[in-house]
PDB file of N, CA and C in Angstrom:
ATOM      1  N   MET A   1       0.846  -1.169   0.000  1.00  0.00           N
ATOM      2  CA  MET A   1       0.000   0.000   0.000  1.00  0.00           C
ATOM      3  C   MET A   1       0.897   1.240   0.000  1.00  0.00           C
ATOM      4  N   ARG A   2       0.487   2.227  -0.728  1.00  0.00           N
ATOM      5  CA  ARG A   2       1.260   3.467  -0.790  1.00  0.00           C
ATOM      6  C   ARG A   2       1.241   4.151   0.570  1.00  0.00           C
ATOM      7  N   GLN A   3       2.422   4.554   1.010  1.00  0.00           N
ATOM      8  CA  GLN A   3       2.588   5.210   2.300  1.00  0.00           C
ATOM      9  C   GLN A   3       3.334   6.523   2.101  1.00  0.00           C
ATOM     10  N   GLU A   4       3.119   7.427   3.025  1.00  0.00           N
ATOM     11  CA  GLU A   4       3.896   8.659   3.038  1.00  0.00           C
ATOM     12  C   GLU A   4       5.308   8.333   3.534  1.00  0.00           C
ATOM     13  N   PRO A   5       6.326   9.070   3.110  1.00  0.00           N
ATOM     14  CA  PRO A   5       7.693   8.786   3.568  1.00  0.00           C
ATOM     15  C   PRO A   5       7.832   8.776   5.097  1.00  0.00           C
ATOM     16  N   ASP A   6       7.034   9.574   5.791  1.00  0.00           N
ATOM     17  CA  ASP A   6       7.096   9.609   7.255  1.00  0.00           C
ATOM     18  C   ASP A   6       6.746   8.260   7.876  1.00  0.00           C
ATOM     19  N   PHE A   7       5.948   7.457   7.199  1.00  0.00           N
ATOM     20  CA  PHE A   7       5.543   6.135   7.673  1.00  0.00           C
ATOM     21  C   PHE A   7       6.768   5.268   7.960  1.00  0.00           C
ATOM     22  N   PHE A   8       7.834   5.439   7.170  1.00  0.00           N
ATOM     23  CA  PHE A   8       9.025   4.612   7.287  1.00  0.00           C
ATOM     24  C   PHE A   8      10.026   5.151   8.309  1.00  0.00           C
ATOM     25  N   GLY A   9       9.756   6.321   8.862  1.00  0.00           N
ATOM     26  CA  GLY A   9      10.640   6.897   9.869  1.00  0.00           C
ATOM     27  C   GLY A   9      12.023   7.193   9.310  1.00  0.00           C
ATOM     28  N   ASP A  10      13.044   6.833  10.076  1.00  0.00           N
ATOM     29  CA  ASP A  10      14.432   7.086   9.683  1.00  0.00           C
ATOM     30  C   ASP A  10      15.036   5.950   8.866  1.00  0.00           C
ATOM     31  N   ARG A  11      14.234   4.972   8.513  1.00  0.00           N
ATOM     32  CA  ARG A  11      14.752   3.821   7.775  1.00  0.00           C
ATOM     33  C   ARG A  11      15.179   4.236   6.370  1.00  0.00           C
ATOM     34  N   GLU A  12      16.271   3.658   5.929  1.00  0.00           N
ATOM     35  CA  GLU A  12      16.766   3.888   4.575  1.00  0.00           C
ATOM     36  C   GLU A  12      15.885   3.097   3.608  1.00  0.00           C
ATOM     37  N   LEU A  13      15.461   3.729   2.529  1.00  0.00           N
ATOM     38  CA  LEU A  13      14.616   3.054   1.542  1.00  0.00           C
ATOM     39  C   LEU A  13      15.406   2.798   0.264  1.00  0.00           C
ATOM     40  N   ALA A  14      15.024   1.738  -0.446  1.00  0.00           N
ATOM     41  CA  ALA A  14      15.698   1.364  -1.685  1.00  0.00           C
ATOM     42  C   ALA A  14      14.876   1.845  -2.883  1.00  0.00           C
ATOM     43  N   LEU A  15      15.533   2.524  -3.808  1.00  0.00           N
ATOM     44  CA  LEU A  15      14.884   2.982  -5.035  1.00  0.00           C
ATOM     45  C   LEU A  15      14.729   1.781  -5.964  1.00  0.00           C
ATOM     46  N   ILE A  16      13.494   1.496  -6.376  1.00  0.00           N
ATOM     47  CA  ILE A  16      13.269   0.349  -7.242  1.00  0.00           C
ATOM     48  C   ILE A  16      12.815   0.727  -8.649  1.00  0.00           C
ATOM     49  N   TYR A  17      12.299   1.958  -8.827  1.00  0.00           N
ATOM     50  CA  TYR A  17      11.811   2.318 -10.153  1.00  0.00           C
ATOM     51  C   TYR A  17      11.624   3.827 -10.270  1.00  0.00           C
ATOM     52  N   VAL A  18      11.820   4.330 -11.490  1.00  0.00           N
ATOM     53  CA  VAL A  18      11.528   5.724 -11.815  1.00  0.00           C
ATOM     54  C   VAL A  18      10.523   5.703 -12.968  1.00  0.00           C
ATOM     55  N   ALA A  19       9.283   6.064 -12.670  1.00  0.00           N
ATOM     56  CA  ALA A  19       8.233   6.102 -13.697  1.00  0.00           C
ATOM     57  C   ALA A  19       8.294   7.452 -14.402  1.00  0.00           C
ATOM     58  N   LYS A  20       8.304   7.402 -15.708  1.00  0.00           N
ATOM     59  CA  LYS A  20       8.416   8.632 -16.488  1.00  0.00           C
ATOM     60  C   LYS A  20       7.062   9.151 -16.951  1.00  0.00           C
ATOM     61  N   LYS A  21       6.037   8.305 -16.864  1.00  0.00           N
ATOM     62  CA  LYS A  21       4.690   8.695 -17.281  1.00  0.00           C
ATOM     63  C   LYS A  21       3.693   8.336 -16.191  1.00  0.00           C
ATOM     64  N   LEU A  22       2.640   9.121 -16.074  1.00  0.00           N
ATOM     65  CA  LEU A  22       1.626   8.909 -15.045  1.00  0.00           C
ATOM     66  C   LEU A  22       0.971   7.537 -15.174  1.00  0.00           C
ATOM     67  N   LYS A  23       0.611   7.159 -16.378  1.00  0.00           N
ATOM     68  CA  LYS A  23      -0.045   5.869 -16.602  1.00  0.00           C
ATOM     69  C   LYS A  23       0.841   4.713 -16.124  1.00  0.00           C
ATOM     70  N   GLU A  24       2.115   4.821 -16.385  1.00  0.00           N
ATOM     71  CA  GLU A  24       3.101   3.829 -15.975  1.00  0.00           C
ATOM     72  C   GLU A  24       3.170   3.756 -14.442  1.00  0.00           C
ATOM     73  N   ALA A  25       3.177   4.912 -13.787  1.00  0.00           N
ATOM     74  CA  ALA A  25       3.240   4.975 -12.327  1.00  0.00           C
ATOM     75  C   ALA A  25       1.989   4.373 -11.695  1.00  0.00           C
ATOM     76  N   LEU A  26       0.834   4.688 -12.237  1.00  0.00           N
ATOM     77  CA  LEU A  26      -0.420   4.168 -11.679  1.00  0.00           C
ATOM     78  C   LEU A  26      -0.504   2.650 -11.817  1.00  0.00           C
ATOM     79  N   ARG A  27      -0.053   2.123 -12.935  1.00  0.00           N
ATOM     80  CA  ARG A  27      -0.062   0.674 -13.136  1.00  0.00           C
ATOM     81  C   ARG A  27       0.888  -0.023 -12.158  1.00  0.00           C
ATOM     82  N   LEU A  28       2.054   0.582 -11.910  1.00  0.00           N
ATOM     83  CA  LEU A  28       2.996   0.004 -10.952  1.00  0.00           C
ATOM     84  C   LEU A  28       2.429   0.065  -9.541  1.00  0.00           C
ATOM     85  N   GLU A  29       1.765   1.157  -9.193  1.00  0.00           N
ATOM     86  CA  GLU A  29       1.130   1.253  -7.875  1.00  0.00           C
ATOM     87  C   GLU A  29       0.134   0.125  -7.679  1.00  0.00           C
ATOM     88  N   GLU A  30      -0.650  -0.161  -8.699  1.00  0.00           N
ATOM     89  CA  GLU A  30      -1.622  -1.256  -8.617  1.00  0.00           C
ATOM     90  C   GLU A  30      -0.936  -2.590  -8.365  1.00  0.00           C
ATOM     91  N   ALA A  31       0.161  -2.857  -9.078  1.00  0.00           N
ATOM     92  CA  ALA A  31       0.882  -4.123  -8.927  1.00  0.00           C
ATOM     93  C   ALA A  31       1.484  -4.261  -7.531  1.00  0.00           C
ATOM     94  N   LEU A  32       2.112  -3.195  -7.029  1.00  0.00           N
ATOM     95  CA  LEU A  32       2.733  -3.257  -5.702  1.00  0.00           C
ATOM     96  C   LEU A  32       1.683  -3.372  -4.597  1.00  0.00           C
ATOM     97  N   THR A  33       0.566  -2.668  -4.745  1.00  0.00           N
ATOM     98  CA  THR A  33      -0.505  -2.728  -3.762  1.00  0.00           C
ATOM     99  C   THR A  33      -1.132  -4.125  -3.753  1.00  0.00           C
ATOM    100  N   ALA A  34      -1.381  -4.684  -4.925  1.00  0.00           N
ATOM    101  CA  ALA A  34      -1.971  -6.024  -5.017  1.00  0.00           C
ATOM    102  C   ALA A  34      -1.064  -7.075  -4.399  1.00  0.00           C
ATOM    103  N   ALA A  35       0.247  -6.865  -4.467  1.00  0.00           N
ATOM    104  CA  ALA A  35       1.208  -7.802  -3.888  1.00  0.00           C
ATOM    105  C   ALA A  35       1.396  -7.577  -2.391  1.00  0.00           C
ATOM    106  N   GLY A  36       0.816  -6.517  -1.841  1.00  0.00           N
ATOM    107  CA  GLY A  36       0.866  -6.274  -0.403  1.00  0.00           C
ATOM    108  C   GLY A  36       2.090  -5.545   0.112  1.00  0.00           C
ATOM    109  N   PHE A  37       2.779  -4.839  -0.758  1.00  0.00           N
ATOM    110  CA  PHE A  37       3.971  -4.102  -0.319  1.00  0.00           C
ATOM    111  C   PHE A  37       3.604  -2.720   0.203  1.00  0.00           C
ATOM    112  N   ASP A  38       4.339  -2.266   1.206  1.00  0.00           N
ATOM    113  CA  ASP A  38       4.309  -0.866   1.621  1.00  0.00           C
ATOM    114  C   ASP A  38       5.407  -0.179   0.816  1.00  0.00           C
ATOM    115  N   TYR A  39       5.068   0.928   0.173  1.00  0.00           N
ATOM    116  CA  TYR A  39       6.034   1.629  -0.662  1.00  0.00           C
ATOM    117  C   TYR A  39       5.757   3.124  -0.591  1.00  0.00           C
ATOM    118  N   ALA A  40       6.764   3.898  -0.974  1.00  0.00           N
ATOM    119  CA  ALA A  40       6.635   5.353  -1.024  1.00  0.00           C
ATOM    120  C   ALA A  40       6.876   5.799  -2.463  1.00  0.00           C
ATOM    121  N   VAL A  41       6.198   6.862  -2.855  1.00  0.00           N
ATOM    122  CA  VAL A  41       6.378   7.461  -4.181  1.00  0.00           C
ATOM    123  C   VAL A  41       6.615   8.946  -3.981  1.00  0.00           C
ATOM    124  N   GLU A  42       7.680   9.440  -4.587  1.00  0.00           N
ATOM    125  CA  GLU A  42       7.988  10.870  -4.496  1.00  0.00           C
ATOM    126  C   GLU A  42       8.352  11.403  -5.874  1.00  0.00           C
ATOM    127  N   PRO A  43       7.889  12.605  -6.196  1.00  0.00           N
ATOM    128  CA  PRO A  43       8.322  13.209  -7.461  1.00  0.00           C
ATOM    129  C   PRO A  43       9.753  13.726  -7.313  1.00  0.00           C
ATOM    130  N   ASP A  44      10.523  13.576  -8.364  1.00  0.00           N
ATOM    131  CA  ASP A  44      11.897  14.075  -8.368  1.00  0.00           C
ATOM    132  C   ASP A  44      12.308  14.267  -9.824  1.00  0.00           C
ATOM    133  N   THR A  45      13.456  14.878 -10.050  1.00  0.00           N
ATOM    134  CA  THR A  45      13.907  15.125 -11.409  1.00  0.00           C
ATOM    135  C   THR A  45      14.937  14.085 -11.843  1.00  0.00           C
ATOM    136  N   TYR A  46      14.961  13.839 -13.140  1.00  0.00           N
ATOM    137  CA  TYR A  46      15.955  12.974 -13.753  1.00  0.00           C
ATOM    138  C   TYR A  46      16.329  13.593 -15.094  1.00  0.00           C
ATOM    139  N   SER A  47      17.471  13.185 -15.631  1.00  0.00           N
ATOM    140  CA  SER A  47      17.904  13.683 -16.941  1.00  0.00           C
ATOM    141  C   SER A  47      17.358  12.769 -18.013  1.00  0.00           C
ATOM    142  N   GLY A  48      16.800  13.354 -19.067  1.00  0.00           N
ATOM    143  CA  GLY A  48      16.244  12.563 -20.159  1.00  0.00           C
ATOM    144  C   GLY A  48      16.528  13.193 -21.498  1.00  0.00           C
ATOM    145  N   GLY A  49      16.318  12.404 -22.535  1.00  0.00           N
ATOM    146  CA  GLY A  49      16.527  12.886 -23.897  1.00  0.00           C
ATOM    147  C   GLY A  49      17.811  12.344 -24.478  1.00  0.00           C
ATOM    148  N   MET A  50      17.818  12.173 -25.787  1.00  0.00           N
ATOM    149  CA  MET A  50      19.003  11.653 -26.464  1.00  0.00           C
ATOM    150  C   MET A  50      19.830  12.791 -27.073  1.00  0.00           C
ATOM    151  N   VAL A  51      19.208  13.609 -27.864  1.00  0.00           N
ATOM    152  CA  VAL A  51      19.922  14.691 -28.539  1.00  0.00           C
ATOM    153  C   VAL A  51      19.976  15.925 -27.648  1.00  0.00           C
ATOM    154  N   PHE A  52      18.813  16.285 -27.112  1.00  0.00           N
ATOM    155  CA  PHE A  52      18.726  17.458 -26.245  1.00  0.00           C
ATOM    156  C   PHE A  52      18.415  16.998 -24.825  1.00  0.00           C
ATOM    157  N   LEU A  53      19.419  16.956 -23.986  1.00  0.00           N
ATOM    158  CA  LEU A  53      19.219  16.557 -22.601  1.00  0.00           C
ATOM    159  C   LEU A  53      18.417  17.611 -21.864  1.00  0.00           C
ATOM    160  N   SER A  54      17.499  17.147 -21.043  1.00  0.00           N
ATOM    161  CA  SER A  54      16.700  18.071 -20.249  1.00  0.00           C
ATOM    162  C   SER A  54      16.361  17.426 -18.910  1.00  0.00           C
ATOM    163  N   GLN A  55      15.999  18.252 -17.966  1.00  0.00           N
ATOM    164  CA  GLN A  55      15.552  17.781 -16.666  1.00  0.00           C
ATOM    165  C   GLN A  55      14.054  17.521 -16.747  1.00  0.00           C
ATOM    166  N   ARG A  56      13.635  16.344 -16.312  1.00  0.00           N
ATOM    167  CA  ARG A  56      12.225  15.972 -16.338  1.00  0.00           C
ATOM    168  C   ARG A  56      11.819  15.497 -14.957  1.00  0.00           C
ATOM    169  N   VAL A  57      10.523  15.460 -14.719  1.00  0.00           N
ATOM    170  CA  VAL A  57      10.007  15.014 -13.418  1.00  0.00           C
ATOM    171  C   VAL A  57       9.414  13.622 -13.581  1.00  0.00           C
ATOM    172  N   GLY A  58       9.767  12.743 -12.644  1.00  0.00           N
ATOM    173  CA  GLY A  58       9.244  11.386 -12.652  1.00  0.00           C
ATOM    174  C   GLY A  58       8.781  10.993 -11.262  1.00  0.00           C
ATOM    175  N   ALA A  59       8.140   9.833 -11.176  1.00  0.00           N
ATOM    176  CA  ALA A  59       7.688   9.286  -9.898  1.00  0.00           C
ATOM    177  C   ALA A  59       8.704   8.233  -9.462  1.00  0.00           C
ATOM    178  N   PHE A  60       9.378   8.491  -8.346  1.00  0.00           N
ATOM    179  CA  PHE A  60      10.406   7.600  -7.834  1.00  0.00           C
ATOM    180  C   PHE A  60       9.777   6.682  -6.785  1.00  0.00           C
ATOM    181  N   PHE A  61       9.881   5.371  -7.005  1.00  0.00           N
ATOM    182  CA  PHE A  61       9.283   4.370  -6.121  1.00  0.00           C
ATOM    183  C   PHE A  61      10.339   3.786  -5.192  1.00  0.00           C
ATOM    184  N   TYR A  62       9.994   3.721  -3.911  1.00  0.00           N
ATOM    185  CA  TYR A  62      10.902   3.213  -2.888  1.00  0.00           C
ATOM    186  C   TYR A  62      10.221   2.143  -2.049  1.00  0.00           C
ATOM    187  N   VAL A  63      11.000   1.132  -1.626  1.00  0.00           N
ATOM    188  CA  VAL A  63      10.540   0.121  -0.675  1.00  0.00           C
ATOM    189  C   VAL A  63      11.626  -0.071   0.372  1.00  0.00           C
ATOM    190  N   THR A  64      11.290  -0.786   1.429  1.00  0.00           N
ATOM    191  CA  THR A  64      12.302  -1.093   2.442  1.00  0.00           C
ATOM    192  C   THR A  64      13.284  -2.109   1.872  1.00  0.00           C
ATOM    193  N   PRO A  65      14.513  -2.113   2.338  1.00  0.00           N
ATOM    194  CA  PRO A  65      15.512  -3.057   1.821  1.00  0.00           C
ATOM    195  C   PRO A  65      15.078  -4.524   1.962  1.00  0.00           C
ATOM    196  N   GLU A  66      14.353  -4.851   3.025  1.00  0.00           N
ATOM    197  CA  GLU A  66      13.930  -6.245   3.191  1.00  0.00           C
ATOM    198  C   GLU A  66      12.859  -6.659   2.178  1.00  0.00           C
ATOM    199  N   ASP A  67      12.141  -5.704   1.591  1.00  0.00           N
ATOM    200  CA  ASP A  67      11.127  -6.001   0.562  1.00  0.00           C
ATOM    201  C   ASP A  67      11.665  -5.828  -0.861  1.00  0.00           C
ATOM    202  N   GLU A  68      12.877  -5.314  -0.981  1.00  0.00           N
ATOM    203  CA  GLU A  68      13.394  -4.945  -2.297  1.00  0.00           C
ATOM    204  C   GLU A  68      13.418  -6.110  -3.289  1.00  0.00           C
ATOM    205  N   GLU A  69      13.969  -7.226  -2.916  1.00  0.00           N
ATOM    206  CA  GLU A  69      14.101  -8.360  -3.842  1.00  0.00           C
ATOM    207  C   GLU A  69      12.727  -8.864  -4.301  1.00  0.00           C
ATOM    208  N   LYS A  70      11.795  -8.994  -3.374  1.00  0.00           N
ATOM    209  CA  LYS A  70      10.452  -9.482  -3.712  1.00  0.00           C
ATOM    210  C   LYS A  70       9.710  -8.464  -4.580  1.00  0.00           C
ATOM    211  N   ALA A  71       9.857  -7.184  -4.275  1.00  0.00           N
ATOM    212  CA  ALA A  71       9.200  -6.139  -5.057  1.00  0.00           C
ATOM    213  C   ALA A  71       9.745  -6.115  -6.484  1.00  0.00           C
ATOM    214  N   ARG A  72      11.038  -6.305  -6.630  1.00  0.00           N
ATOM    215  CA  ARG A  72      11.637  -6.355  -7.964  1.00  0.00           C
ATOM    216  C   ARG A  72      11.099  -7.548  -8.762  1.00  0.00           C
ATOM    217  N   ALA A  73      10.874  -8.671  -8.095  1.00  0.00           N
ATOM    218  CA  ALA A  73      10.314  -9.847  -8.764  1.00  0.00           C
ATOM    219  C   ALA A  73       8.888  -9.568  -9.241  1.00  0.00           C
ATOM    220  N   VAL A  74       8.088  -8.916  -8.407  1.00  0.00           N
ATOM    221  CA  VAL A  74       6.716  -8.559  -8.783  1.00  0.00           C
ATOM    222  C   VAL A  74       6.735  -7.602  -9.964  1.00  0.00           C
ATOM    223  N   MET A  75       7.640  -6.641  -9.937  1.00  0.00           N
ATOM    224  CA  MET A  75       7.748  -5.682 -11.033  1.00  0.00           C
ATOM    225  C   MET A  75       8.111  -6.377 -12.340  1.00  0.00           C
ATOM    226  N   THR A  76       9.054  -7.302 -12.286  1.00  0.00           N
ATOM    227  CA  THR A  76       9.474  -8.031 -13.474  1.00  0.00           C
ATOM    228  C   THR A  76       8.306  -8.829 -14.052  1.00  0.00           C
ATOM    229  N   GLN A  77       7.532  -9.470 -13.181  1.00  0.00           N
ATOM    230  CA  GLN A  77       6.359 -10.221 -13.628  1.00  0.00           C
ATOM    231  C   GLN A  77       5.317  -9.309 -14.271  1.00  0.00           C
ATOM    232  N   ALA A  78       5.253  -8.061 -13.815  1.00  0.00           N
ATOM    233  CA  ALA A  78       4.287  -7.104 -14.358  1.00  0.00           C
ATOM    234  C   ALA A  78       4.802  -6.402 -15.626  1.00  0.00           C
ATOM    235  N   GLY A  79       6.027  -6.758 -16.063  1.00  0.00           N
ATOM    236  CA  GLY A  79       6.559  -6.184 -17.295  1.00  0.00           C
ATOM    237  C   GLY A  79       7.436  -4.968 -17.110  1.00  0.00           C
ATOM    238  N   TYR A  80       7.865  -4.681 -15.897  1.00  0.00           N
ATOM    239  CA  TYR A  80       8.733  -3.538 -15.628  1.00  0.00           C
ATOM    240  C   TYR A  80      10.186  -4.009 -15.519  1.00  0.00           C
ATOM    241  N   ARG A  81      11.104  -3.108 -15.834  1.00  0.00           N
ATOM    242  CA  ARG A  81      12.530  -3.372 -15.598  1.00  0.00           C
ATOM    243  C   ARG A  81      12.928  -2.537 -14.385  1.00  0.00           C
ATOM    244  N   PRO A  82      13.175  -3.187 -13.234  1.00  0.00           N
ATOM    245  CA  PRO A  82      13.519  -2.451 -12.021  1.00  0.00           C
ATOM    246  C   PRO A  82      14.762  -1.572 -12.208  1.00  0.00           C
ATOM    247  N   TYR A  83      14.784  -0.487 -11.471  1.00  0.00           N
ATOM    248  CA  TYR A  83      15.915   0.447 -11.491  1.00  0.00           C
ATOM    249  C   TYR A  83      17.154  -0.239 -10.928  1.00  0.00           C
ATOM    250  N   LYS A  84      18.287  -0.047 -11.591  1.00  0.00           N
ATOM    251  CA  LYS A  84      19.560  -0.577 -11.106  1.00  0.00           C
ATOM    252  C   LYS A  84      20.527   0.565 -10.988  1.00  0.00           C
ATOM    253  N   LEU A  85      21.313   0.559  -9.928  1.00  0.00           N
ATOM    254  CA  LEU A  85      22.318   1.611  -9.731  1.00  0.00           C
ATOM    255  C   LEU A  85      23.406   1.554 -10.732  1.00  0.00           C
TER     256      LEU A  85
END
């Protein structure tokens, strides 16, 4: 279920995905919620574009480190490629 960042307190969260489109973010929220994960979503900027680089806003998805591996598996099953450092 989507939670506010305050829900996690001082715990470090793992970035699992950066959604670039609203439709993409909403579909991922549905998959994570259906799987029973607590996750946080925050807007942030990323660099995009091939010829003309620009700053864009995306939805950054975070889970706790103990849920990271399972959440990545759910994302892969749903057709997403999890974020890798």
